[in-house]
Amino acid sequence: MDKLQLKGKWNQLKGAVKQEWADLTDDDLLYVEGKEDELLGRIQEKTGKAKDELLTWLDKKIKDLD
């Protein structure tokens, strides 16, 4: 997953992320350009998932959206 994919699809992806992990808040999922690592860190902290696992999941969801 590259940063451009994340930026362009984040509004759509955010819904899928909230469905998968309902405990995440809008603040947890706030996307700020250039701070993708912070976003992933917040998701990791709340879900307990490894970064690689999250990136794989997000890549799959991005492909599903295309």
C-alpha atoms as a PDB file:
ATOM      1  CA  MET A   1       0.000   0.000   0.000  1.00  0.00           C
ATOM      2  CA  ASP A   2       1.457   3.344  -0.918  1.00  0.00           C
ATOM      3  CA  LYS A   3       0.549   6.679   0.578  1.00  0.00           C
ATOM      4  CA  LEU A   4      -1.255   7.891  -2.542  1.00  0.00           C
ATOM      5  CA  GLN A   5      -3.544   4.867  -2.459  1.00  0.00           C
ATOM      6  CA  LEU A   6      -4.294   5.483   1.190  1.00  0.00           C
ATOM      7  CA  LYS A   7      -4.976   9.186   0.666  1.00  0.00           C
ATOM      8  CA  GLY A   8      -7.226   8.664  -2.337  1.00  0.00           C
ATOM      9  CA  LYS A   9      -9.272   5.876  -0.824  1.00  0.00           C
ATOM     10  CA  TRP A  10      -9.247   6.754   2.876  1.00  0.00           C
ATOM     11  CA  ASN A  11     -12.864   7.915   3.128  1.00  0.00           C
ATOM     12  CA  GLN A  12     -14.029   4.615   1.644  1.00  0.00           C
ATOM     13  CA  LEU A  13     -11.523   2.566   3.633  1.00  0.00           C
ATOM     14  CA  LYS A  14     -12.453   4.253   6.898  1.00  0.00           C
ATOM     15  CA  GLY A  15     -15.911   2.681   6.764  1.00  0.00           C
ATOM     16  CA  ALA A  16     -14.440  -0.781   6.254  1.00  0.00           C
ATOM     17  CA  VAL A  17     -11.981  -0.236   9.115  1.00  0.00           C
ATOM     18  CA  LYS A  18     -14.806   0.827  11.455  1.00  0.00           C
ATOM     19  CA  GLN A  19     -16.822  -2.250  10.474  1.00  0.00           C
ATOM     20  CA  GLU A  20     -13.866  -4.510  11.226  1.00  0.00           C
ATOM     21  CA  TRP A  21     -12.868  -2.768  14.464  1.00  0.00           C
ATOM     22  CA  ALA A  22     -15.892  -0.971  15.921  1.00  0.00           C
ATOM     23  CA  ASP A  23     -13.933   0.315  18.947  1.00  0.00           C
ATOM     24  CA  LEU A  24     -12.028   2.784  16.764  1.00  0.00           C
ATOM     25  CA  THR A  25     -13.235   6.379  17.031  1.00  0.00           C
ATOM     26  CA  ASP A  26     -13.295   9.092  14.375  1.00  0.00           C
ATOM     27  CA  ASP A  27     -10.285  10.641  16.130  1.00  0.00           C
ATOM     28  CA  ASP A  28      -8.416   7.323  15.870  1.00  0.00           C
ATOM     29  CA  LEU A  29      -9.130   7.297  12.143  1.00  0.00           C
ATOM     30  CA  LEU A  30      -8.294  10.931  11.413  1.00  0.00           C
ATOM     31  CA  TYR A  31      -6.143  11.028   8.269  1.00  0.00           C
ATOM     32  CA  VAL A  32      -3.509  13.753   8.054  1.00  0.00           C
ATOM     33  CA  GLU A  33      -1.441  13.831   4.882  1.00  0.00           C
ATOM     34  CA  GLY A  34       2.170  12.967   5.618  1.00  0.00           C
ATOM     35  CA  LYS A  35       1.305  11.319   8.943  1.00  0.00           C
ATOM     36  CA  GLU A  36       0.243   7.906   7.693  1.00  0.00           C
ATOM     37  CA  ASP A  37       2.530   6.170  10.198  1.00  0.00           C
ATOM     38  CA  GLU A  38       0.759   7.929  13.074  1.00  0.00           C
ATOM     39  CA  LEU A  39      -2.599   6.775  11.708  1.00  0.00           C
ATOM     40  CA  LEU A  40      -1.376   3.191  11.469  1.00  0.00           C
ATOM     41  CA  GLY A  41       0.078   3.471  14.970  1.00  0.00           C
ATOM     42  CA  ARG A  42      -3.275   4.550  16.407  1.00  0.00           C
ATOM     43  CA  ILE A  43      -5.032   1.666  14.664  1.00  0.00           C
ATOM     44  CA  GLN A  44      -2.360  -0.766  15.874  1.00  0.00           C
ATOM     45  CA  GLU A  45      -2.669   0.455  19.448  1.00  0.00           C
ATOM     46  CA  LYS A  46      -6.453  -0.008  19.531  1.00  0.00           C
ATOM     47  CA  THR A  47      -6.612  -3.305  17.618  1.00  0.00           C
ATOM     48  CA  GLY A  48      -3.458  -5.033  18.814  1.00  0.00           C
ATOM     49  CA  LYS A  49      -2.630  -5.956  15.206  1.00  0.00           C
ATOM     50  CA  ALA A  50       0.901  -5.879  13.808  1.00  0.00           C
ATOM     51  CA  LYS A  51       1.739  -3.180  11.259  1.00  0.00           C
ATOM     52  CA  ASP A  52       2.363  -5.775   8.523  1.00  0.00           C
ATOM     53  CA  GLU A  53      -0.983  -7.403   9.254  1.00  0.00           C
ATOM     54  CA  LEU A  54      -2.778  -4.050   9.023  1.00  0.00           C
ATOM     55  CA  LEU A  55      -1.015  -3.135   5.775  1.00  0.00           C
ATOM     56  CA  THR A  56      -1.949  -6.481   4.236  1.00  0.00           C
ATOM     57  CA  TRP A  57      -5.573  -6.015   5.309  1.00  0.00           C
ATOM     58  CA  LEU A  58      -5.668  -2.441   3.944  1.00  0.00           C
ATOM     59  CA  ASP A  59      -4.099  -3.554   0.640  1.00  0.00           C
ATOM     60  CA  LYS A  60      -6.796  -6.180   0.240  1.00  0.00           C
ATOM     61  CA  LYS A  61      -9.538  -3.646   0.971  1.00  0.00           C
ATOM     62  CA  ILE A  62      -8.046  -1.160  -1.523  1.00  0.00           C
ATOM     63  CA  LYS A  63      -8.066  -3.865  -4.206  1.00  0.00           C
ATOM     64  CA  ASP A  64     -11.672  -4.701  -3.330  1.00  0.00           C
ATOM     65  CA  LEU A  65     -12.599  -1.034  -3.916  1.00  0.00           C
ATOM     66  CA  ASP A  66     -11.025  -0.955  -7.399  1.00  0.00           C
END
